[in-house]
Amino acid sequence: MFIDQLFNGLSHGSILLLIAIGLAITFGLMGVINMAHGELMMVGAYTTYVTQQWFANDMPHSAGLYFVVAIPLSFLIAALLGWGLEKSLIRHLYRRPLDSLLATWGISLILQQTARLIFGAPNVAVVPPSWLDGGIRLFGAVFPYKRLFILCLVLAIVFFLYLYLMKTRAGRRIQAVTMNRSMAACLGIATQKVDAYSFAIGSGLAGVAGCALTLLGPIGPTIGTYYIVDAFMVVILGGVGKLAGTLLGAFGIGLISTFVEYSTSATMAKVIVFVLIIAFLQWKPSGLLNVRTRSLD
């Protein structure tokens, strides 16, 4: 029983991390309250649905491979959409948090309505590939392949994102702008360019999250609204701008909520987790980890 709950907690935490890791980049770097993050997840989910239909109609003998193609395709389409939004609108709203909140909320409504016009209001089902059916039995517990796949996908994304931020020139520029934007600009870093591709990366990761969520149930135009609060909760608890804090926050919330839900109910577990997070942030407002900076302000 303990093994079951532990796996459920890790599985829940991996889903929270997947939906929050893209927001951690955009919110941590630019301070933009992106209320359209959930709708970028929706774009990834519908991209997966369209890819499934494409394979089913044109390549039925390879239909089981559609999900392998859908993951990078979801990243690419969501990243291009995020890049376009940053270039056309969001870059004009830096240091204006209320305006950026209102603008991105408006974008989220536009994207939802666009999805309704194209795909209809009812939810649509994405059939998981057959190689993800079933599960593995260990220690008297059954671990579904779908949940294991999402967990492995999240760990792979965290690993490659760490390599990108630590080992590449572009990643180090992102870190420099996060720590001290004005000093990075004085040293010749094109901060607007960094903002653009950082927002594109965060948006692309939101698309991958939407792709993975199709394994858990049907998707619809409002799928993003179910997860946007949880995404912000994880980022703020972990510490704005710290991916390691986002990882700790996601798995911490996942484990605590799962064990509390086992002894109470889903609604009560949600309430208790919110109360614990509020109490923790009262004690440590910067979150679990905070960004070290040389900025004087």
C-alpha atoms as a PDB file:
ATOM      1  CA  MET A   1       0.000   0.000   0.000  1.00  0.00           C
ATOM      2  CA  PHE A   2       2.839   2.385   0.838  1.00  0.00           C
ATOM      3  CA  ILE A   3       4.530   1.573  -2.487  1.00  0.00           C
ATOM      4  CA  ASP A   4       1.288   2.372  -4.327  1.00  0.00           C
ATOM      5  CA  GLN A   5       0.924   5.750  -2.631  1.00  0.00           C
ATOM      6  CA  LEU A   6       4.612   6.574  -3.111  1.00  0.00           C
ATOM      7  CA  PHE A   7       4.375   5.865  -6.837  1.00  0.00           C
ATOM      8  CA  ASN A   8       1.131   7.838  -7.115  1.00  0.00           C
ATOM      9  CA  GLY A   9       2.840  10.769  -5.377  1.00  0.00           C
ATOM     10  CA  LEU A  10       5.840  10.623  -7.704  1.00  0.00           C
ATOM     11  CA  SER A  11       3.525  10.311 -10.695  1.00  0.00           C
ATOM     12  CA  HIS A  12       1.467  13.320  -9.575  1.00  0.00           C
ATOM     13  CA  GLY A  13       4.668  15.258  -8.924  1.00  0.00           C
ATOM     14  CA  SER A  14       6.026  14.447 -12.389  1.00  0.00           C
ATOM     15  CA  ILE A  15       2.847  15.808 -13.990  1.00  0.00           C
ATOM     16  CA  LEU A  16       3.070  18.982 -11.888  1.00  0.00           C
ATOM     17  CA  LEU A  17       6.726  19.395 -12.848  1.00  0.00           C
ATOM     18  CA  LEU A  18       5.946  18.868 -16.515  1.00  0.00           C
ATOM     19  CA  ILE A  19       3.293  21.594 -16.567  1.00  0.00           C
ATOM     20  CA  ALA A  20       5.357  24.008 -14.444  1.00  0.00           C
ATOM     21  CA  ILE A  21       8.863  23.724 -15.873  1.00  0.00           C
ATOM     22  CA  GLY A  22       8.104  25.872 -18.929  1.00  0.00           C
ATOM     23  CA  LEU A  23       6.471  28.506 -16.739  1.00  0.00           C
ATOM     24  CA  ALA A  24       9.522  28.473 -14.452  1.00  0.00           C
ATOM     25  CA  ILE A  25      11.653  29.683 -17.367  1.00  0.00           C
ATOM     26  CA  THR A  26       9.366  32.481 -18.569  1.00  0.00           C
ATOM     27  CA  PHE A  27       8.164  33.643 -15.155  1.00  0.00           C
ATOM     28  CA  GLY A  28      11.619  33.372 -13.591  1.00  0.00           C
ATOM     29  CA  LEU A  29      13.477  35.123 -16.398  1.00  0.00           C
ATOM     30  CA  MET A  30      11.086  37.857 -17.465  1.00  0.00           C
ATOM     31  CA  GLY A  31       8.685  38.138 -14.558  1.00  0.00           C
ATOM     32  CA  VAL A  32       5.775  37.812 -17.005  1.00  0.00           C
ATOM     33  CA  ILE A  33       2.602  36.421 -15.439  1.00  0.00           C
ATOM     34  CA  ASN A  34       1.700  34.300 -18.452  1.00  0.00           C
ATOM     35  CA  MET A  35      -1.952  33.351 -18.037  1.00  0.00           C
ATOM     36  CA  ALA A  36      -1.854  31.781 -21.518  1.00  0.00           C
ATOM     37  CA  HIS A  37       0.549  29.048 -20.358  1.00  0.00           C
ATOM     38  CA  GLY A  38      -2.332  26.606 -20.012  1.00  0.00           C
ATOM     39  CA  GLU A  39      -3.514  27.360 -23.536  1.00  0.00           C
ATOM     40  CA  LEU A  40      -0.028  26.643 -24.877  1.00  0.00           C
ATOM     41  CA  MET A  41      -0.447  23.236 -23.233  1.00  0.00           C
ATOM     42  CA  MET A  42      -3.774  22.976 -25.067  1.00  0.00           C
ATOM     43  CA  VAL A  43      -1.948  23.670 -28.351  1.00  0.00           C
ATOM     44  CA  GLY A  44       0.392  20.750 -27.641  1.00  0.00           C
ATOM     45  CA  ALA A  45      -2.554  18.501 -26.757  1.00  0.00           C
ATOM     46  CA  TYR A  46      -4.431  19.309 -29.970  1.00  0.00           C
ATOM     47  CA  THR A  47      -1.226  18.897 -31.971  1.00  0.00           C
ATOM     48  CA  THR A  48      -1.056  15.364 -30.593  1.00  0.00           C
ATOM     49  CA  TYR A  49      -4.684  14.790 -31.581  1.00  0.00           C
ATOM     50  CA  VAL A  50      -4.092  16.027 -35.141  1.00  0.00           C
ATOM     51  CA  THR A  51      -0.939  13.887 -35.410  1.00  0.00           C
ATOM     52  CA  GLN A  52      -2.931  10.842 -34.306  1.00  0.00           C
ATOM     53  CA  GLN A  53      -5.558  11.519 -36.984  1.00  0.00           C
ATOM     54  CA  TRP A  54      -2.860  12.063 -39.597  1.00  0.00           C
ATOM     55  CA  PHE A  55      -1.204   8.719 -38.842  1.00  0.00           C
ATOM     56  CA  ALA A  56      -4.549   6.902 -38.637  1.00  0.00           C
ATOM     57  CA  ASN A  57      -5.638   8.186 -42.063  1.00  0.00           C
ATOM     58  CA  ASP A  58      -2.390   8.216 -44.043  1.00  0.00           C
ATOM     59  CA  MET A  59      -0.108   5.730 -42.264  1.00  0.00           C
ATOM     60  CA  PRO A  60      -2.345   3.168 -40.506  1.00  0.00           C
ATOM     61  CA  HIS A  61       0.412   0.540 -40.394  1.00  0.00           C
ATOM     62  CA  SER A  62       2.580   2.936 -38.343  1.00  0.00           C
ATOM     63  CA  ALA A  63      -0.224   4.381 -36.211  1.00  0.00           C
ATOM     64  CA  GLY A  64       1.476   3.247 -32.999  1.00  0.00           C
ATOM     65  CA  LEU A  65       4.400   5.579 -33.679  1.00  0.00           C
ATOM     66  CA  TYR A  66       2.311   8.759 -33.814  1.00  0.00           C
ATOM     67  CA  PHE A  67       3.176   9.697 -30.221  1.00  0.00           C
ATOM     68  CA  VAL A  68       6.917   9.639 -30.930  1.00  0.00           C
ATOM     69  CA  VAL A  69       6.330  12.210 -33.692  1.00  0.00           C
ATOM     70  CA  ALA A  70       3.803  14.202 -31.645  1.00  0.00           C
ATOM     71  CA  ILE A  71       6.263  15.064 -28.842  1.00  0.00           C
ATOM     72  CA  PRO A  72       8.765  17.128 -30.917  1.00  0.00           C
ATOM     73  CA  LEU A  73       5.925  18.452 -33.101  1.00  0.00           C
ATOM     74  CA  SER A  74       4.056  19.726 -30.023  1.00  0.00           C
ATOM     75  CA  PHE A  75       7.228  21.424 -28.806  1.00  0.00           C
ATOM     76  CA  LEU A  76       7.869  23.052 -32.187  1.00  0.00           C
ATOM     77  CA  ILE A  77       4.358  24.406 -32.783  1.00  0.00           C
ATOM     78  CA  ALA A  78       3.926  25.715 -29.221  1.00  0.00           C
ATOM     79  CA  ALA A  79       7.427  27.248 -29.332  1.00  0.00           C
ATOM     80  CA  LEU A  80       6.694  29.043 -32.620  1.00  0.00           C
ATOM     81  CA  LEU A  81       3.431  30.364 -31.210  1.00  0.00           C
ATOM     82  CA  GLY A  82       5.183  31.530 -28.033  1.00  0.00           C
ATOM     83  CA  TRP A  83       7.950  33.190 -30.063  1.00  0.00           C
ATOM     84  CA  GLY A  84       5.348  35.042 -32.117  1.00  0.00           C
ATOM     85  CA  LEU A  85       3.473  36.180 -29.000  1.00  0.00           C
ATOM     86  CA  GLU A  86       6.670  37.426 -27.394  1.00  0.00           C
ATOM     87  CA  LYS A  87       7.734  39.325 -30.501  1.00  0.00           C
ATOM     88  CA  SER A  88       4.358  40.895 -31.182  1.00  0.00           C
ATOM     89  CA  LEU A  89       2.934  41.602 -27.729  1.00  0.00           C
ATOM     90  CA  ILE A  90       4.660  40.447 -24.580  1.00  0.00           C
ATOM     91  CA  ARG A  91       7.988  42.233 -25.088  1.00  0.00           C
ATOM     92  CA  HIS A  92       6.122  45.541 -24.915  1.00  0.00           C
ATOM     93  CA  LEU A  93       4.732  44.689 -21.463  1.00  0.00           C
ATOM     94  CA  TYR A  94       7.902  43.959 -19.475  1.00  0.00           C
ATOM     95  CA  ARG A  95       7.920  45.587 -16.036  1.00  0.00           C
ATOM     96  CA  ARG A  96       4.133  46.030 -16.357  1.00  0.00           C
ATOM     97  CA  PRO A  97       2.859  42.944 -14.500  1.00  0.00           C
ATOM     98  CA  LEU A  98      -0.804  43.917 -14.389  1.00  0.00           C
ATOM     99  CA  ASP A  99      -0.855  44.743 -18.097  1.00  0.00           C
ATOM    100  CA  SER A 100       0.930  41.496 -18.973  1.00  0.00           C
ATOM    101  CA  LEU A 101      -1.514  39.519 -16.814  1.00  0.00           C
ATOM    102  CA  LEU A 102      -4.511  41.108 -18.555  1.00  0.00           C
ATOM    103  CA  ALA A 103      -2.997  40.723 -22.032  1.00  0.00           C
ATOM    104  CA  THR A 104      -2.044  37.062 -21.613  1.00  0.00           C
ATOM    105  CA  TRP A 105      -5.455  36.320 -20.099  1.00  0.00           C
ATOM    106  CA  GLY A 106      -7.000  37.823 -23.226  1.00  0.00           C
ATOM    107  CA  ILE A 107      -4.705  35.677 -25.378  1.00  0.00           C
ATOM    108  CA  SER A 108      -5.828  32.599 -23.449  1.00  0.00           C
ATOM    109  CA  LEU A 109      -9.479  33.389 -24.208  1.00  0.00           C
ATOM    110  CA  ILE A 110      -8.676  33.929 -27.899  1.00  0.00           C
ATOM    111  CA  LEU A 111      -6.828  30.591 -28.092  1.00  0.00           C
ATOM    112  CA  GLN A 112      -9.673  28.781 -26.324  1.00  0.00           C
ATOM    113  CA  GLN A 113     -12.241  30.201 -28.734  1.00  0.00           C
ATOM    114  CA  THR A 114     -10.028  29.371 -31.714  1.00  0.00           C
ATOM    115  CA  ALA A 115      -9.830  25.763 -30.514  1.00  0.00           C
ATOM    116  CA  ARG A 116     -13.632  25.656 -30.205  1.00  0.00           C
ATOM    117  CA  LEU A 117     -14.043  26.965 -33.756  1.00  0.00           C
ATOM    118  CA  ILE A 118     -11.591  24.427 -35.207  1.00  0.00           C
ATOM    119  CA  PHE A 119     -12.217  21.297 -33.122  1.00  0.00           C
ATOM    120  CA  GLY A 120     -15.582  22.002 -31.497  1.00  0.00           C
ATOM    121  CA  ALA A 121     -16.515  22.526 -27.847  1.00  0.00           C
ATOM    122  CA  PRO A 122     -16.787  18.840 -26.759  1.00  0.00           C
ATOM    123  CA  ASN A 123     -13.698  17.038 -25.540  1.00  0.00           C
ATOM    124  CA  VAL A 124     -11.888  14.755 -27.956  1.00  0.00           C
ATOM    125  CA  ALA A 125     -10.102  11.537 -27.087  1.00  0.00           C
ATOM    126  CA  VAL A 126      -6.521  10.726 -27.965  1.00  0.00           C
ATOM    127  CA  VAL A 127      -6.016   6.959 -27.990  1.00  0.00           C
ATOM    128  CA  PRO A 128      -2.676   6.115 -26.349  1.00  0.00           C
ATOM    129  CA  PRO A 129      -0.336   3.964 -28.436  1.00  0.00           C
ATOM    130  CA  SER A 130      -0.645   0.249 -27.802  1.00  0.00           C
ATOM    131  CA  TRP A 131       2.912  -0.002 -26.473  1.00  0.00           C
ATOM    132  CA  LEU A 132       1.854   2.084 -23.478  1.00  0.00           C
ATOM    133  CA  ASP A 133      -1.017  -0.211 -22.514  1.00  0.00           C
ATOM    134  CA  GLY A 134      -0.708  -2.284 -19.354  1.00  0.00           C
ATOM    135  CA  GLY A 135       1.857  -1.981 -16.619  1.00  0.00           C
ATOM    136  CA  ILE A 136       4.622  -3.663 -14.697  1.00  0.00           C
ATOM    137  CA  ARG A 137       4.111  -5.433 -11.359  1.00  0.00           C
ATOM    138  CA  LEU A 138       6.754  -4.897  -8.681  1.00  0.00           C
ATOM    139  CA  PHE A 139       6.613  -5.326  -4.894  1.00  0.00           C
ATOM    140  CA  GLY A 140       2.932  -6.231  -5.111  1.00  0.00           C
ATOM    141  CA  ALA A 141       2.032  -2.991  -6.900  1.00  0.00           C
ATOM    142  CA  VAL A 142       1.169  -2.280 -10.543  1.00  0.00           C
ATOM    143  CA  PHE A 143       2.982   0.616 -12.229  1.00  0.00           C
ATOM    144  CA  PRO A 144       1.146   1.715 -15.422  1.00  0.00           C
ATOM    145  CA  TYR A 145       3.367   2.210 -18.440  1.00  0.00           C
ATOM    146  CA  LYS A 146       1.700   5.573 -19.178  1.00  0.00           C
ATOM    147  CA  ARG A 147       2.684   6.997 -15.794  1.00  0.00           C
ATOM    148  CA  LEU A 148       6.176   5.533 -16.047  1.00  0.00           C
ATOM    149  CA  PHE A 149       6.558   7.084 -19.491  1.00  0.00           C
ATOM    150  CA  ILE A 150       5.537  10.532 -18.206  1.00  0.00           C
ATOM    151  CA  LEU A 151       7.979  10.190 -15.282  1.00  0.00           C
ATOM    152  CA  CYS A 152      10.835   9.224 -17.627  1.00  0.00           C
ATOM    153  CA  LEU A 153       9.888  12.020 -20.047  1.00  0.00           C
ATOM    154  CA  VAL A 154      10.028  14.605 -17.252  1.00  0.00           C
ATOM    155  CA  LEU A 155      13.397  13.368 -16.002  1.00  0.00           C
ATOM    156  CA  ALA A 156      14.773  13.471 -19.563  1.00  0.00           C
ATOM    157  CA  ILE A 157      13.512  17.040 -20.055  1.00  0.00           C
ATOM    158  CA  VAL A 158      15.072  18.160 -16.745  1.00  0.00           C
ATOM    159  CA  PHE A 159      18.388  16.514 -17.668  1.00  0.00           C
ATOM    160  CA  PHE A 160      18.617  18.069 -21.134  1.00  0.00           C
ATOM    161  CA  LEU A 161      17.424  21.438 -19.854  1.00  0.00           C
ATOM    162  CA  TYR A 162      20.177  21.332 -17.218  1.00  0.00           C
ATOM    163  CA  LEU A 163      22.765  20.564 -19.900  1.00  0.00           C
ATOM    164  CA  TYR A 164      21.403  23.378 -22.055  1.00  0.00           C
ATOM    165  CA  LEU A 165      21.512  25.968 -19.266  1.00  0.00           C
ATOM    166  CA  MET A 166      24.887  24.920 -17.867  1.00  0.00           C
ATOM    167  CA  LYS A 167      26.897  23.765 -20.867  1.00  0.00           C
ATOM    168  CA  THR A 168      25.826  25.967 -23.791  1.00  0.00           C
ATOM    169  CA  ARG A 169      26.515  29.607 -24.506  1.00  0.00           C
ATOM    170  CA  ALA A 170      22.824  30.376 -24.992  1.00  0.00           C
ATOM    171  CA  GLY A 171      21.983  28.748 -21.659  1.00  0.00           C
ATOM    172  CA  ARG A 172      24.597  30.769 -19.814  1.00  0.00           C
ATOM    173  CA  ARG A 173      23.158  33.926 -21.362  1.00  0.00           C
ATOM    174  CA  ILE A 174      19.755  33.004 -19.972  1.00  0.00           C
ATOM    175  CA  GLN A 175      21.291  32.595 -16.516  1.00  0.00           C
ATOM    176  CA  ALA A 176      23.112  35.912 -16.808  1.00  0.00           C
ATOM    177  CA  VAL A 177      19.941  37.790 -17.759  1.00  0.00           C
ATOM    178  CA  THR A 178      18.045  36.089 -14.921  1.00  0.00           C
ATOM    179  CA  MET A 179      20.656  37.132 -12.357  1.00  0.00           C
ATOM    180  CA  ASN A 180      21.195  40.716 -13.515  1.00  0.00           C
ATOM    181  CA  ARG A 181      19.535  41.947 -16.696  1.00  0.00           C
ATOM    182  CA  SER A 182      21.140  45.412 -16.785  1.00  0.00           C
ATOM    183  CA  MET A 183      24.658  44.097 -16.204  1.00  0.00           C
ATOM    184  CA  ALA A 184      24.162  41.401 -18.839  1.00  0.00           C
ATOM    185  CA  ALA A 185      23.094  44.115 -21.302  1.00  0.00           C
ATOM    186  CA  CYS A 186      26.180  46.202 -20.423  1.00  0.00           C
ATOM    187  CA  LEU A 187      28.373  43.169 -21.210  1.00  0.00           C
ATOM    188  CA  GLY A 188      26.935  42.921 -24.705  1.00  0.00           C
ATOM    189  CA  ILE A 189      24.220  40.281 -24.266  1.00  0.00           C
ATOM    190  CA  ALA A 190      21.180  40.995 -26.441  1.00  0.00           C
ATOM    191  CA  THR A 191      18.582  40.670 -23.701  1.00  0.00           C
ATOM    192  CA  GLN A 192      15.600  41.009 -26.047  1.00  0.00           C
ATOM    193  CA  LYS A 193      16.897  38.114 -28.122  1.00  0.00           C
ATOM    194  CA  VAL A 194      17.385  36.058 -24.945  1.00  0.00           C
ATOM    195  CA  ASP A 195      13.823  36.881 -23.897  1.00  0.00           C
ATOM    196  CA  ALA A 196      12.453  35.757 -27.252  1.00  0.00           C
ATOM    197  CA  TYR A 197      14.076  32.320 -27.378  1.00  0.00           C
ATOM    198  CA  SER A 198      13.583  31.756 -23.641  1.00  0.00           C
ATOM    199  CA  PHE A 199       9.858  32.400 -24.019  1.00  0.00           C
ATOM    200  CA  ALA A 200       9.833  30.080 -27.034  1.00  0.00           C
ATOM    201  CA  ILE A 201      11.526  27.312 -25.017  1.00  0.00           C
ATOM    202  CA  GLY A 202       9.095  27.741 -22.126  1.00  0.00           C
ATOM    203  CA  SER A 203       6.153  27.682 -24.531  1.00  0.00           C
ATOM    204  CA  GLY A 204       7.523  24.595 -26.266  1.00  0.00           C
ATOM    205  CA  LEU A 205       7.822  22.769 -22.949  1.00  0.00           C
ATOM    206  CA  ALA A 206       4.198  23.696 -22.232  1.00  0.00           C
ATOM    207  CA  GLY A 207       3.324  22.061 -25.549  1.00  0.00           C
ATOM    208  CA  VAL A 208       5.153  18.882 -24.524  1.00  0.00           C
ATOM    209  CA  ALA A 209       3.206  18.918 -21.250  1.00  0.00           C
ATOM    210  CA  GLY A 210      -0.050  19.091 -23.212  1.00  0.00           C
ATOM    211  CA  CYS A 211       1.123  16.204 -25.368  1.00  0.00           C
ATOM    212  CA  ALA A 212       1.814  14.078 -22.276  1.00  0.00           C
ATOM    213  CA  LEU A 213      -1.534  14.959 -20.686  1.00  0.00           C
ATOM    214  CA  THR A 214      -3.352  13.300 -23.588  1.00  0.00           C
ATOM    215  CA  LEU A 215      -2.234   9.987 -22.069  1.00  0.00           C
ATOM    216  CA  LEU A 216      -4.317  10.658 -18.962  1.00  0.00           C
ATOM    217  CA  GLY A 217      -7.717  11.504 -20.454  1.00  0.00           C
ATOM    218  CA  PRO A 218      -9.692  13.442 -23.068  1.00  0.00           C
ATOM    219  CA  ILE A 219      -8.718  16.963 -24.043  1.00  0.00           C
ATOM    220  CA  GLY A 220     -10.749  20.079 -24.709  1.00  0.00           C
ATOM    221  CA  PRO A 221     -10.425  23.848 -25.178  1.00  0.00           C
ATOM    222  CA  THR A 222     -10.357  24.432 -21.400  1.00  0.00           C
ATOM    223  CA  ILE A 223      -7.761  21.799 -20.483  1.00  0.00           C
ATOM    224  CA  GLY A 224      -5.228  24.499 -19.608  1.00  0.00           C
ATOM    225  CA  THR A 225      -7.463  26.154 -16.997  1.00  0.00           C
ATOM    226  CA  TYR A 226      -7.326  23.002 -14.860  1.00  0.00           C
ATOM    227  CA  TYR A 227      -3.554  23.221 -14.501  1.00  0.00           C
ATOM    228  CA  ILE A 228      -2.552  26.902 -14.605  1.00  0.00           C
ATOM    229  CA  VAL A 229      -3.048  27.466 -10.845  1.00  0.00           C
ATOM    230  CA  ASP A 230      -1.042  24.345 -10.009  1.00  0.00           C
ATOM    231  CA  ALA A 231       1.744  25.487 -12.334  1.00  0.00           C
ATOM    232  CA  PHE A 232       2.075  28.883 -10.632  1.00  0.00           C
ATOM    233  CA  MET A 233       1.838  27.219  -7.216  1.00  0.00           C
ATOM    234  CA  VAL A 234       4.773  24.924  -8.004  1.00  0.00           C
ATOM    235  CA  VAL A 235       6.935  27.743  -9.429  1.00  0.00           C
ATOM    236  CA  ILE A 236       6.310  30.109  -6.503  1.00  0.00           C
ATOM    237  CA  LEU A 237       6.850  27.397  -3.898  1.00  0.00           C
ATOM    238  CA  GLY A 238      10.094  26.248  -5.524  1.00  0.00           C
ATOM    239  CA  GLY A 239      11.469  29.755  -5.886  1.00  0.00           C
ATOM    240  CA  VAL A 240      11.065  31.978  -8.930  1.00  0.00           C
ATOM    241  CA  GLY A 241      13.836  31.367 -11.443  1.00  0.00           C
ATOM    242  CA  LYS A 242      15.207  28.169  -9.853  1.00  0.00           C
ATOM    243  CA  LEU A 243      14.572  24.975 -11.795  1.00  0.00           C
ATOM    244  CA  ALA A 244      15.871  22.861  -8.917  1.00  0.00           C
ATOM    245  CA  GLY A 245      13.330  24.527  -6.654  1.00  0.00           C
ATOM    246  CA  THR A 246      10.587  23.826  -9.198  1.00  0.00           C
ATOM    247  CA  LEU A 247      11.571  20.148  -9.177  1.00  0.00           C
ATOM    248  CA  LEU A 248      11.518  19.965  -5.370  1.00  0.00           C
ATOM    249  CA  GLY A 249       8.247  21.868  -5.184  1.00  0.00           C
ATOM    250  CA  ALA A 250       6.495  19.668  -7.752  1.00  0.00           C
ATOM    251  CA  PHE A 251       7.475  16.345  -6.184  1.00  0.00           C
ATOM    252  CA  GLY A 252       6.907  17.696  -2.668  1.00  0.00           C
ATOM    253  CA  ILE A 253       3.361  18.813  -3.515  1.00  0.00           C
ATOM    254  CA  GLY A 254       2.707  15.565  -5.354  1.00  0.00           C
ATOM    255  CA  LEU A 255       3.786  13.352  -2.455  1.00  0.00           C
ATOM    256  CA  ILE A 256       2.074  15.383   0.267  1.00  0.00           C
ATOM    257  CA  SER A 257      -1.223  15.701  -1.605  1.00  0.00           C
ATOM    258  CA  THR A 258      -1.274  11.978  -2.443  1.00  0.00           C
ATOM    259  CA  PHE A 259      -0.690  10.811   1.134  1.00  0.00           C
ATOM    260  CA  VAL A 260      -3.138  13.380   2.549  1.00  0.00           C
ATOM    261  CA  GLU A 261      -5.766  12.422  -0.031  1.00  0.00           C
ATOM    262  CA  TYR A 262      -5.425   8.755   0.950  1.00  0.00           C
ATOM    263  CA  SER A 263      -6.478   9.513   4.524  1.00  0.00           C
ATOM    264  CA  THR A 264      -9.042  12.272   3.727  1.00  0.00           C
ATOM    265  CA  SER A 265     -10.463  13.185   0.304  1.00  0.00           C
ATOM    266  CA  ALA A 266      -9.301  14.885  -2.886  1.00  0.00           C
ATOM    267  CA  THR A 267     -10.989  18.187  -1.999  1.00  0.00           C
ATOM    268  CA  MET A 268      -9.664  18.223   1.558  1.00  0.00           C
ATOM    269  CA  ALA A 269      -6.180  17.297   0.347  1.00  0.00           C
ATOM    270  CA  LYS A 270      -6.235  20.290  -2.017  1.00  0.00           C
ATOM    271  CA  VAL A 271      -7.242  22.600   0.833  1.00  0.00           C
ATOM    272  CA  ILE A 272      -4.591  21.239   3.204  1.00  0.00           C
ATOM    273  CA  VAL A 273      -1.852  21.553   0.570  1.00  0.00           C
ATOM    274  CA  PHE A 274      -2.834  25.178  -0.135  1.00  0.00           C
ATOM    275  CA  VAL A 275      -2.783  25.988   3.587  1.00  0.00           C
ATOM    276  CA  LEU A 276       0.654  24.385   4.013  1.00  0.00           C
ATOM    277  CA  ILE A 277       2.047  26.309   1.025  1.00  0.00           C
ATOM    278  CA  ILE A 278       0.672  29.615   2.331  1.00  0.00           C
ATOM    279  CA  ALA A 279       2.134  28.941   5.777  1.00  0.00           C
ATOM    280  CA  PHE A 280       5.516  28.032   4.262  1.00  0.00           C
ATOM    281  CA  LEU A 281       5.608  31.175   2.097  1.00  0.00           C
ATOM    282  CA  GLN A 282       4.798  33.273   5.161  1.00  0.00           C
ATOM    283  CA  TRP A 283       7.919  31.832   6.755  1.00  0.00           C
ATOM    284  CA  LYS A 284      10.083  31.858   3.618  1.00  0.00           C
ATOM    285  CA  PRO A 285       8.650  34.214   0.959  1.00  0.00           C
ATOM    286  CA  SER A 286      11.412  33.477  -1.569  1.00  0.00           C
ATOM    287  CA  GLY A 287      10.398  29.811  -1.759  1.00  0.00           C
ATOM    288  CA  LEU A 288      12.457  26.671  -1.289  1.00  0.00           C
ATOM    289  CA  LEU A 289      15.379  28.068  -3.292  1.00  0.00           C
ATOM    290  CA  ASN A 290      16.089  31.598  -4.455  1.00  0.00           C
ATOM    291  CA  VAL A 291      18.184  33.072  -7.233  1.00  0.00           C
ATOM    292  CA  ARG A 292      21.543  34.454  -6.197  1.00  0.00           C
ATOM    293  CA  THR A 293      22.003  37.817  -7.842  1.00  0.00           C
ATOM    294  CA  ARG A 294      24.450  40.689  -7.925  1.00  0.00           C
ATOM    295  CA  SER A 295      21.670  43.180  -8.517  1.00  0.00           C
ATOM    296  CA  LEU A 296      21.537  46.046  -6.001  1.00  0.00           C
ATOM    297  CA  ASP A 297      17.776  46.337  -6.181  1.00  0.00           C
END
